[in-house]
Amino acid sequence: MQPCNACRELVGKPSSVPPHGDLAASGVSAIGPPIHMTKISSNWNCTVCGSWLYQNTADGTPPNEWVMGEHQLDSPEKA
């Protein structure tokens, strides 16, 4: 599926730019041990084109920037 214009225009912008109106919040990504997790992004899914966008924090890669990527699945459960 091709990203819509609104998604393409958001990529590379500072994370301080708000999400466009068709992005639905879909959780956050974090790293580190459970007692000291560090948020690296807010995750968004476009209801128009299906793209996944990530609103990176200062700890994200690249820091403080909107990026587009694959859907980041939850960590698999431990057996």
N, C-alpha and C. Protein backbone atom coordinates (compact mmCIF):
# COMPACT_ATOMS: atom_id res chain seq x y z
N MET A 1 0.84 -1.18 0.00
CA MET A 1 0.00 0.00 0.00
C MET A 1 0.89 1.25 0.00
N GLN A 2 0.48 2.24 -0.73
CA GLN A 2 1.24 3.49 -0.83
C GLN A 2 0.85 4.45 0.30
N PRO A 3 1.84 5.13 0.88
CA PRO A 3 1.52 6.13 1.91
C PRO A 3 0.73 7.29 1.30
N CYS A 4 -0.21 7.82 2.05
CA CYS A 4 -0.98 8.98 1.59
C CYS A 4 -0.10 10.23 1.69
N ASN A 5 -0.55 11.31 1.07
CA ASN A 5 0.21 12.56 1.08
C ASN A 5 0.44 13.07 2.50
N ALA A 6 -0.58 12.96 3.35
CA ALA A 6 -0.46 13.46 4.73
C ALA A 6 0.64 12.71 5.48
N CYS A 7 0.75 11.40 5.28
CA CYS A 7 1.80 10.62 5.94
C CYS A 7 3.17 11.00 5.38
N ARG A 8 3.28 11.06 4.07
CA ARG A 8 4.57 11.41 3.44
C ARG A 8 5.06 12.78 3.91
N GLU A 9 4.13 13.73 4.05
CA GLU A 9 4.52 15.08 4.46
C GLU A 9 4.98 15.14 5.91
N LEU A 10 4.54 14.20 6.74
CA LEU A 10 4.91 14.20 8.16
C LEU A 10 6.31 13.63 8.39
N VAL A 11 6.73 12.70 7.54
CA VAL A 11 8.03 12.04 7.71
C VAL A 11 9.16 13.06 7.63
N GLY A 12 10.05 13.01 8.63
CA GLY A 12 11.19 13.92 8.69
C GLY A 12 10.92 15.21 9.44
N LYS A 13 9.66 15.46 9.76
CA LYS A 13 9.32 16.66 10.54
C LYS A 13 9.70 16.44 12.00
N PRO A 14 9.88 17.53 12.76
CA PRO A 14 10.15 17.38 14.20
C PRO A 14 8.97 16.70 14.90
N SER A 15 9.25 15.94 15.92
CA SER A 15 8.20 15.24 16.67
C SER A 15 7.23 16.20 17.35
N SER A 16 7.61 17.45 17.47
CA SER A 16 6.71 18.45 18.06
C SER A 16 5.53 18.76 17.14
N VAL A 17 5.64 18.41 15.85
CA VAL A 17 4.53 18.59 14.91
C VAL A 17 3.47 17.55 15.26
N PRO A 18 2.21 17.96 15.44
CA PRO A 18 1.17 17.00 15.82
C PRO A 18 0.85 16.02 14.69
N PRO A 19 0.32 14.84 15.04
CA PRO A 19 -0.06 13.86 14.03
C PRO A 19 -1.18 14.40 13.15
N HIS A 20 -1.25 13.94 11.89
CA HIS A 20 -2.35 14.39 11.04
C HIS A 20 -3.65 13.72 11.49
N GLY A 21 -4.76 14.23 11.03
CA GLY A 21 -6.08 13.83 11.53
C GLY A 21 -6.48 12.39 11.29
N ASP A 22 -5.83 11.69 10.38
CA ASP A 22 -6.19 10.30 10.10
C ASP A 22 -5.27 9.29 10.77
N LEU A 23 -4.38 9.76 11.64
CA LEU A 23 -3.51 8.84 12.38
C LEU A 23 -4.19 8.45 13.69
N ALA A 24 -4.25 7.15 13.92
CA ALA A 24 -4.83 6.62 15.15
C ALA A 24 -3.71 6.17 16.08
N ALA A 25 -3.77 6.62 17.33
CA ALA A 25 -2.76 6.24 18.32
C ALA A 25 -2.76 4.72 18.49
N SER A 26 -1.56 4.15 18.55
CA SER A 26 -1.43 2.70 18.65
C SER A 26 -0.33 2.31 19.64
N GLY A 27 -0.28 2.98 20.77
CA GLY A 27 0.66 2.61 21.81
C GLY A 27 1.98 3.34 21.72
N VAL A 28 2.94 2.82 22.49
CA VAL A 28 4.28 3.40 22.54
C VAL A 28 5.31 2.28 22.43
N SER A 29 6.52 2.65 22.06
CA SER A 29 7.64 1.72 22.07
C SER A 29 8.61 2.18 23.15
N ALA A 30 9.16 1.21 23.88
CA ALA A 30 10.08 1.53 24.96
C ALA A 30 11.17 0.47 25.02
N ILE A 31 12.30 0.85 25.60
CA ILE A 31 13.41 -0.08 25.78
C ILE A 31 13.85 -0.05 27.23
N GLY A 32 14.58 -1.07 27.62
CA GLY A 32 15.13 -1.11 28.97
C GLY A 32 14.40 -2.10 29.86
N PRO A 33 14.93 -2.29 31.06
CA PRO A 33 14.31 -3.21 32.01
C PRO A 33 12.97 -2.65 32.49
N PRO A 34 12.02 -3.53 32.83
CA PRO A 34 10.69 -3.08 33.24
C PRO A 34 10.68 -2.03 34.35
N ILE A 35 11.63 -2.08 35.23
CA ILE A 35 11.65 -1.13 36.33
C ILE A 35 12.11 0.26 35.89
N HIS A 36 12.77 0.33 34.72
CA HIS A 36 13.31 1.61 34.25
C HIS A 36 13.18 1.72 32.73
N MET A 37 11.93 1.62 32.24
CA MET A 37 11.69 1.68 30.79
C MET A 37 11.90 3.11 30.28
N THR A 38 12.41 3.22 29.06
CA THR A 38 12.62 4.50 28.40
C THR A 38 11.77 4.54 27.15
N LYS A 39 10.83 5.48 27.09
CA LYS A 39 9.97 5.62 25.92
C LYS A 39 10.80 6.13 24.75
N ILE A 40 10.69 5.44 23.60
CA ILE A 40 11.42 5.88 22.42
C ILE A 40 10.51 6.43 21.32
N SER A 41 9.22 6.08 21.35
CA SER A 41 8.31 6.63 20.34
C SER A 41 6.86 6.42 20.73
N SER A 42 6.00 7.29 20.16
CA SER A 42 4.56 7.07 20.16
C SER A 42 4.25 6.48 18.78
N ASN A 43 3.43 5.45 18.74
CA ASN A 43 3.17 4.73 17.50
C ASN A 43 1.79 5.09 16.96
N TRP A 44 1.73 5.29 15.66
CA TRP A 44 0.50 5.73 15.00
C TRP A 44 0.25 4.90 13.74
N ASN A 45 -1.03 4.61 13.47
CA ASN A 45 -1.42 3.89 12.26
C ASN A 45 -2.40 4.75 11.48
N CYS A 46 -2.14 4.93 10.19
CA CYS A 46 -3.01 5.75 9.36
C CYS A 46 -4.26 4.96 8.96
N THR A 47 -5.42 5.54 9.23
CA THR A 47 -6.68 4.88 8.91
C THR A 47 -7.04 5.01 7.43
N VAL A 48 -6.28 5.81 6.68
CA VAL A 48 -6.53 5.98 5.25
C VAL A 48 -5.64 5.04 4.43
N CYS A 49 -4.33 5.09 4.67
CA CYS A 49 -3.40 4.32 3.82
C CYS A 49 -2.79 3.11 4.52
N GLY A 50 -2.96 3.00 5.84
CA GLY A 50 -2.42 1.85 6.56
C GLY A 50 -0.97 1.98 6.98
N SER A 51 -0.33 3.11 6.70
CA SER A 51 1.08 3.29 7.06
C SER A 51 1.25 3.36 8.58
N TRP A 52 2.42 2.94 9.04
CA TRP A 52 2.80 3.07 10.44
C TRP A 52 3.80 4.20 10.56
N LEU A 53 3.49 5.16 11.44
CA LEU A 53 4.40 6.27 11.70
C LEU A 53 4.78 6.26 13.17
N TYR A 54 6.00 6.72 13.43
CA TYR A 54 6.56 6.72 14.78
C TYR A 54 7.03 8.13 15.12
N GLN A 55 6.47 8.66 16.20
CA GLN A 55 6.79 10.00 16.68
C GLN A 55 7.89 9.83 17.73
N ASN A 56 9.14 9.87 17.28
CA ASN A 56 10.28 9.55 18.15
C ASN A 56 10.50 10.61 19.23
N THR A 57 10.93 10.11 20.39
CA THR A 57 11.35 10.99 21.47
C THR A 57 12.84 11.28 21.29
N ALA A 58 13.43 11.97 22.25
CA ALA A 58 14.87 12.26 22.20
C ALA A 58 15.69 10.97 22.24
N ASP A 59 15.09 9.87 22.74
CA ASP A 59 15.79 8.58 22.83
C ASP A 59 15.54 7.69 21.61
N GLY A 60 14.73 8.15 20.67
CA GLY A 60 14.44 7.37 19.47
C GLY A 60 15.52 7.54 18.42
N THR A 61 15.37 6.79 17.31
CA THR A 61 16.33 6.87 16.21
C THR A 61 15.57 7.11 14.92
N PRO A 62 15.75 8.25 14.28
CA PRO A 62 16.50 9.42 14.73
C PRO A 62 15.73 10.15 15.84
N PRO A 63 16.45 10.86 16.69
CA PRO A 63 15.79 11.53 17.82
C PRO A 63 14.87 12.66 17.38
N ASN A 64 13.74 12.77 18.11
CA ASN A 64 12.79 13.89 17.95
C ASN A 64 12.34 14.11 16.51
N GLU A 65 12.05 13.02 15.82
CA GLU A 65 11.66 13.12 14.41
C GLU A 65 10.58 12.09 14.09
N TRP A 66 9.68 12.46 13.17
CA TRP A 66 8.68 11.52 12.66
C TRP A 66 9.34 10.59 11.64
N VAL A 67 9.09 9.29 11.76
CA VAL A 67 9.59 8.31 10.79
C VAL A 67 8.47 7.36 10.40
N MET A 68 8.61 6.76 9.23
CA MET A 68 7.66 5.75 8.76
C MET A 68 8.39 4.42 8.76
N GLY A 69 7.68 3.35 9.10
CA GLY A 69 8.33 2.05 9.11
C GLY A 69 7.33 0.92 9.19
N GLU A 70 7.86 -0.25 9.42
CA GLU A 70 7.04 -1.45 9.57
C GLU A 70 6.33 -1.42 10.92
N HIS A 71 5.23 -2.15 11.00
CA HIS A 71 4.52 -2.28 12.27
C HIS A 71 5.41 -3.03 13.25
N GLN A 72 5.62 -2.45 14.41
CA GLN A 72 6.45 -3.08 15.44
C GLN A 72 5.56 -3.92 16.33
N LEU A 73 5.62 -5.22 16.13
CA LEU A 73 4.78 -6.14 16.89
C LEU A 73 5.22 -6.18 18.34
N ASP A 74 4.27 -6.53 19.20
CA ASP A 74 4.60 -6.69 20.61
C ASP A 74 5.63 -7.79 20.77
N SER A 75 6.41 -7.71 21.82
CA SER A 75 7.40 -8.74 22.09
C SER A 75 6.69 -10.07 22.29
N PRO A 76 7.27 -11.16 21.79
CA PRO A 76 6.64 -12.47 21.99
C PRO A 76 6.62 -12.83 23.48
N GLU A 77 5.58 -13.55 23.86
CA GLU A 77 5.48 -13.97 25.25
C GLU A 77 6.56 -14.99 25.56
N LYS A 78 7.05 -14.94 26.78
CA LYS A 78 8.08 -15.89 27.20
C LYS A 78 7.41 -17.19 27.60
N ALA A 79 8.01 -18.30 27.21
CA ALA A 79 7.44 -19.62 27.52
C ALA A 79 7.79 -20.04 28.93
